[in-house]
């Protein structure tokens, strides 16, 4: 995790004033970053969901259904059928 690109992105977003929480099925206790489960409530209240790592055990259908905006850097949302979220592939 020490050299994860996600950490650099989080630092940059925080520097710009963003409120950050994260979801990772393997790391649930990161220092100074709030963990968020992938509930429909958490997805719906987020301004954006940024996918940096493509874990096979994440429910991307749920992300596509409840998030407003998904920035997908791993192209995992390509297989989601009829997403309600606006999806940007980065």
N, C-alpha and C. Protein backbone atom coordinates (compact mmCIF):
# COMPACT_ATOMS: atom_id res chain seq x y z
N UNK A 1 0.82 -1.19 0.00
CA UNK A 1 0.00 0.00 0.00
C UNK A 1 0.87 1.25 0.00
N UNK A 2 2.06 1.16 0.50
CA UNK A 2 2.93 2.32 0.64
C UNK A 2 3.17 3.01 -0.69
N UNK A 3 3.25 2.26 -1.78
CA UNK A 3 3.54 2.86 -3.08
C UNK A 3 2.32 2.85 -4.00
N UNK A 4 1.15 2.74 -3.42
CA UNK A 4 -0.08 2.69 -4.20
C UNK A 4 -0.34 4.02 -4.90
N UNK A 5 -0.70 3.98 -6.19
CA UNK A 5 -1.06 5.22 -6.88
C UNK A 5 -2.28 5.88 -6.24
N UNK A 6 -3.13 5.07 -5.61
CA UNK A 6 -4.31 5.63 -4.95
C UNK A 6 -3.93 6.63 -3.88
N UNK A 7 -2.86 6.36 -3.15
CA UNK A 7 -2.44 7.28 -2.09
C UNK A 7 -2.03 8.63 -2.64
N UNK A 8 -1.34 8.64 -3.75
CA UNK A 8 -0.94 9.90 -4.38
C UNK A 8 -2.17 10.68 -4.85
N UNK A 9 -3.11 9.98 -5.44
CA UNK A 9 -4.34 10.62 -5.91
C UNK A 9 -5.12 11.19 -4.73
N UNK A 10 -5.21 10.44 -3.64
CA UNK A 10 -5.89 10.91 -2.43
C UNK A 10 -5.22 12.17 -1.90
N UNK A 11 -3.90 12.17 -1.85
CA UNK A 11 -3.16 13.36 -1.39
C UNK A 11 -3.50 14.57 -2.25
N UNK A 12 -3.50 14.41 -3.56
CA UNK A 12 -3.79 15.52 -4.47
C UNK A 12 -5.22 16.03 -4.29
N UNK A 13 -6.17 15.13 -4.16
CA UNK A 13 -7.56 15.53 -3.97
C UNK A 13 -7.75 16.25 -2.64
N UNK A 14 -7.12 15.75 -1.58
CA UNK A 14 -7.22 16.40 -0.27
C UNK A 14 -6.59 17.79 -0.32
N UNK A 15 -5.48 17.93 -1.02
CA UNK A 15 -4.81 19.21 -1.17
C UNK A 15 -5.74 20.23 -1.84
N UNK A 16 -6.57 19.74 -2.75
CA UNK A 16 -7.53 20.60 -3.45
C UNK A 16 -8.81 20.82 -2.65
N UNK A 17 -8.89 20.22 -1.45
CA UNK A 17 -10.04 20.46 -0.57
C UNK A 17 -11.13 19.41 -0.61
N UNK A 18 -10.90 18.30 -1.26
CA UNK A 18 -11.91 17.25 -1.35
C UNK A 18 -12.03 16.50 -0.03
N UNK A 19 -13.25 16.09 0.29
CA UNK A 19 -13.49 15.18 1.41
C UNK A 19 -13.42 13.77 0.84
N UNK A 20 -12.57 12.95 1.43
CA UNK A 20 -12.28 11.63 0.88
C UNK A 20 -12.71 10.53 1.85
N UNK A 21 -13.33 9.51 1.30
CA UNK A 21 -13.48 8.24 2.00
C UNK A 21 -13.11 7.17 0.96
N UNK A 22 -12.87 5.97 1.40
CA UNK A 22 -12.42 4.94 0.47
C UNK A 22 -13.07 3.60 0.79
N UNK A 23 -13.08 2.75 -0.20
CA UNK A 23 -13.50 1.36 -0.01
C UNK A 23 -12.46 0.46 -0.64
N UNK A 24 -11.97 -0.46 0.13
CA UNK A 24 -11.05 -1.49 -0.36
C UNK A 24 -11.36 -2.75 0.43
N UNK A 25 -11.77 -3.83 -0.24
CA UNK A 25 -12.14 -5.03 0.50
C UNK A 25 -10.99 -5.67 1.26
N UNK A 26 -9.75 -5.28 0.96
CA UNK A 26 -8.60 -5.88 1.62
C UNK A 26 -7.97 -4.98 2.67
N UNK A 27 -8.18 -3.69 2.59
CA UNK A 27 -7.59 -2.74 3.54
C UNK A 27 -8.71 -1.89 4.12
N UNK A 28 -9.05 -2.16 5.36
CA UNK A 28 -10.17 -1.45 5.98
C UNK A 28 -9.73 -0.50 7.08
N UNK A 29 -8.44 -0.29 7.21
CA UNK A 29 -7.96 0.57 8.29
C UNK A 29 -6.76 1.39 7.81
N UNK A 30 -7.01 2.38 6.99
CA UNK A 30 -5.94 3.25 6.51
C UNK A 30 -5.86 4.48 7.42
N UNK A 31 -4.67 4.92 7.68
CA UNK A 31 -4.48 6.08 8.55
C UNK A 31 -5.02 7.34 7.88
N UNK A 32 -5.76 8.12 8.65
CA UNK A 32 -6.23 9.45 8.25
C UNK A 32 -7.20 9.45 7.07
N UNK A 33 -7.75 8.30 6.72
CA UNK A 33 -8.74 8.23 5.65
C UNK A 33 -9.92 7.41 6.15
N UNK A 34 -11.11 7.94 5.98
CA UNK A 34 -12.32 7.27 6.45
C UNK A 34 -12.70 6.12 5.52
N UNK A 35 -12.93 4.94 6.10
CA UNK A 35 -13.39 3.79 5.34
C UNK A 35 -14.91 3.91 5.14
N UNK A 36 -15.38 3.55 3.96
CA UNK A 36 -16.82 3.56 3.68
C UNK A 36 -17.21 2.25 3.02
N UNK A 37 -18.25 1.62 3.55
CA UNK A 37 -18.73 0.42 2.87
C UNK A 37 -19.48 0.85 1.60
N UNK A 38 -19.72 -0.08 0.72
CA UNK A 38 -20.39 0.25 -0.54
C UNK A 38 -21.90 0.12 -0.41
N UNK A 39 -22.45 0.82 0.56
CA UNK A 39 -23.91 0.83 0.71
C UNK A 39 -24.51 1.76 -0.33
N UNK A 40 -25.78 1.55 -0.63
CA UNK A 40 -26.42 2.44 -1.60
C UNK A 40 -26.46 3.87 -1.08
N UNK A 41 -26.56 4.04 0.25
CA UNK A 41 -26.56 5.39 0.83
C UNK A 41 -25.22 6.09 0.63
N UNK A 42 -24.13 5.39 0.90
CA UNK A 42 -22.80 5.99 0.71
C UNK A 42 -22.53 6.31 -0.75
N UNK A 43 -22.91 5.42 -1.63
CA UNK A 43 -22.70 5.66 -3.06
C UNK A 43 -23.53 6.86 -3.53
N UNK A 44 -24.76 6.96 -3.07
CA UNK A 44 -25.65 8.04 -3.51
C UNK A 44 -25.21 9.40 -2.98
N UNK A 45 -24.62 9.45 -1.79
CA UNK A 45 -24.24 10.75 -1.24
C UNK A 45 -22.88 11.24 -1.74
N UNK A 46 -22.10 10.37 -2.35
CA UNK A 46 -20.79 10.78 -2.87
C UNK A 46 -20.96 11.62 -4.13
N UNK A 47 -20.16 12.67 -4.25
CA UNK A 47 -20.17 13.46 -5.49
C UNK A 47 -19.61 12.64 -6.64
N UNK A 48 -18.62 11.81 -6.35
CA UNK A 48 -18.00 10.98 -7.38
C UNK A 48 -17.39 9.74 -6.74
N UNK A 49 -17.34 8.67 -7.51
CA UNK A 49 -16.66 7.45 -7.12
C UNK A 49 -15.50 7.27 -8.10
N UNK A 50 -14.31 7.14 -7.56
CA UNK A 50 -13.12 6.98 -8.38
C UNK A 50 -12.62 5.54 -8.24
N UNK A 51 -12.57 4.81 -9.33
CA UNK A 51 -12.08 3.44 -9.31
C UNK A 51 -10.63 3.44 -9.76
N UNK A 52 -9.74 3.09 -8.83
CA UNK A 52 -8.31 3.09 -9.10
C UNK A 52 -7.76 1.67 -9.18
N UNK A 53 -8.39 0.75 -8.46
CA UNK A 53 -7.97 -0.65 -8.45
C UNK A 53 -9.18 -1.51 -8.79
N UNK A 54 -9.00 -2.51 -9.60
CA UNK A 54 -10.11 -3.36 -10.02
C UNK A 54 -10.12 -4.67 -9.24
N UNK A 55 -10.81 -4.64 -8.11
CA UNK A 55 -10.96 -5.86 -7.30
C UNK A 55 -12.13 -6.67 -7.84
N UNK A 56 -11.95 -7.96 -7.96
CA UNK A 56 -13.00 -8.83 -8.50
C UNK A 56 -14.17 -9.01 -7.54
N UNK A 57 -13.98 -8.71 -6.27
CA UNK A 57 -15.06 -8.92 -5.30
C UNK A 57 -15.81 -7.63 -4.96
N UNK A 58 -15.75 -6.62 -5.82
CA UNK A 58 -16.52 -5.39 -5.64
C UNK A 58 -17.75 -5.48 -6.54
N UNK A 59 -18.90 -5.07 -6.02
CA UNK A 59 -20.15 -5.11 -6.77
C UNK A 59 -20.26 -3.86 -7.65
N UNK A 60 -19.71 -3.93 -8.84
CA UNK A 60 -19.71 -2.78 -9.75
C UNK A 60 -21.11 -2.48 -10.29
N UNK A 61 -21.98 -3.47 -10.35
CA UNK A 61 -23.38 -3.23 -10.72
C UNK A 61 -24.01 -2.26 -9.73
N UNK A 62 -23.75 -2.48 -8.46
CA UNK A 62 -24.28 -1.61 -7.40
C UNK A 62 -23.70 -0.20 -7.53
N UNK A 63 -22.42 -0.11 -7.80
CA UNK A 63 -21.78 1.19 -8.00
C UNK A 63 -22.47 1.93 -9.15
N UNK A 64 -22.69 1.25 -10.25
CA UNK A 64 -23.33 1.85 -11.41
C UNK A 64 -24.78 2.24 -11.18
N UNK A 65 -25.42 1.54 -10.27
CA UNK A 65 -26.83 1.81 -9.99
C UNK A 65 -27.02 3.02 -9.07
N UNK A 66 -26.14 3.20 -8.07
CA UNK A 66 -26.39 4.20 -7.04
C UNK A 66 -25.47 5.42 -7.08
N UNK A 67 -24.31 5.33 -7.68
CA UNK A 67 -23.41 6.49 -7.73
C UNK A 67 -23.90 7.48 -8.78
N UNK A 68 -23.58 8.76 -8.55
CA UNK A 68 -23.94 9.80 -9.53
C UNK A 68 -22.93 9.84 -10.67
N UNK A 69 -21.67 9.77 -10.30
CA UNK A 69 -20.56 9.89 -11.25
C UNK A 69 -19.51 8.86 -10.88
N UNK A 70 -19.05 8.12 -11.87
CA UNK A 70 -17.98 7.14 -11.66
C UNK A 70 -16.84 7.48 -12.61
N UNK A 71 -15.66 7.66 -12.05
CA UNK A 71 -14.45 7.86 -12.84
C UNK A 71 -13.70 6.54 -12.80
N UNK A 72 -13.70 5.86 -13.91
CA UNK A 72 -13.23 4.48 -13.99
C UNK A 72 -11.87 4.42 -14.69
N UNK A 73 -10.82 4.22 -13.92
CA UNK A 73 -9.47 4.14 -14.49
C UNK A 73 -9.08 2.72 -14.88
N UNK A 74 -9.94 1.74 -14.59
CA UNK A 74 -9.61 0.33 -14.85
C UNK A 74 -10.56 -0.33 -15.86
N UNK A 75 -11.52 0.43 -16.37
CA UNK A 75 -12.50 -0.06 -17.34
C UNK A 75 -13.35 -1.21 -16.81
N UNK A 76 -13.59 -1.23 -15.51
CA UNK A 76 -14.41 -2.29 -14.93
C UNK A 76 -15.90 -2.03 -15.11
N UNK A 77 -16.27 -0.79 -15.39
CA UNK A 77 -17.69 -0.47 -15.55
C UNK A 77 -18.20 -0.83 -16.95
N UNK A 78 -17.31 -1.22 -17.84
CA UNK A 78 -17.71 -1.57 -19.21
C UNK A 78 -18.70 -2.74 -19.23
N UNK A 79 -18.61 -3.62 -18.26
CA UNK A 79 -19.49 -4.80 -18.23
C UNK A 79 -20.79 -4.54 -17.48
N UNK A 80 -20.95 -3.37 -16.89
CA UNK A 80 -22.17 -3.06 -16.13
C UNK A 80 -23.30 -2.75 -17.11
N UNK A 81 -24.41 -3.44 -16.94
CA UNK A 81 -25.56 -3.26 -17.82
C UNK A 81 -26.41 -2.08 -17.34
N UNK A 82 -26.70 -1.14 -18.20
CA UNK A 82 -27.59 -0.01 -17.93
C UNK A 82 -27.27 0.76 -16.65
N UNK A 83 -26.05 1.25 -16.50
CA UNK A 83 -25.74 2.01 -15.29
C UNK A 83 -26.52 3.33 -15.27
N UNK A 84 -26.94 3.74 -14.08
CA UNK A 84 -27.60 5.03 -13.91
C UNK A 84 -26.57 6.13 -13.72
N UNK A 85 -25.40 5.76 -13.27
CA UNK A 85 -24.32 6.72 -13.03
C UNK A 85 -23.77 7.22 -14.36
N UNK A 86 -23.30 8.45 -14.33
CA UNK A 86 -22.53 8.96 -15.47
C UNK A 86 -21.13 8.37 -15.32
N UNK A 87 -20.62 7.73 -16.34
CA UNK A 87 -19.33 7.05 -16.25
C UNK A 87 -18.32 7.72 -17.16
N UNK A 88 -17.20 8.11 -16.56
CA UNK A 88 -16.07 8.65 -17.30
C UNK A 88 -14.96 7.62 -17.26
N UNK A 89 -14.46 7.26 -18.40
CA UNK A 89 -13.33 6.33 -18.45
C UNK A 89 -12.06 7.15 -18.56
N UNK A 90 -11.18 6.93 -17.61
CA UNK A 90 -9.94 7.73 -17.57
C UNK A 90 -8.73 6.84 -17.78
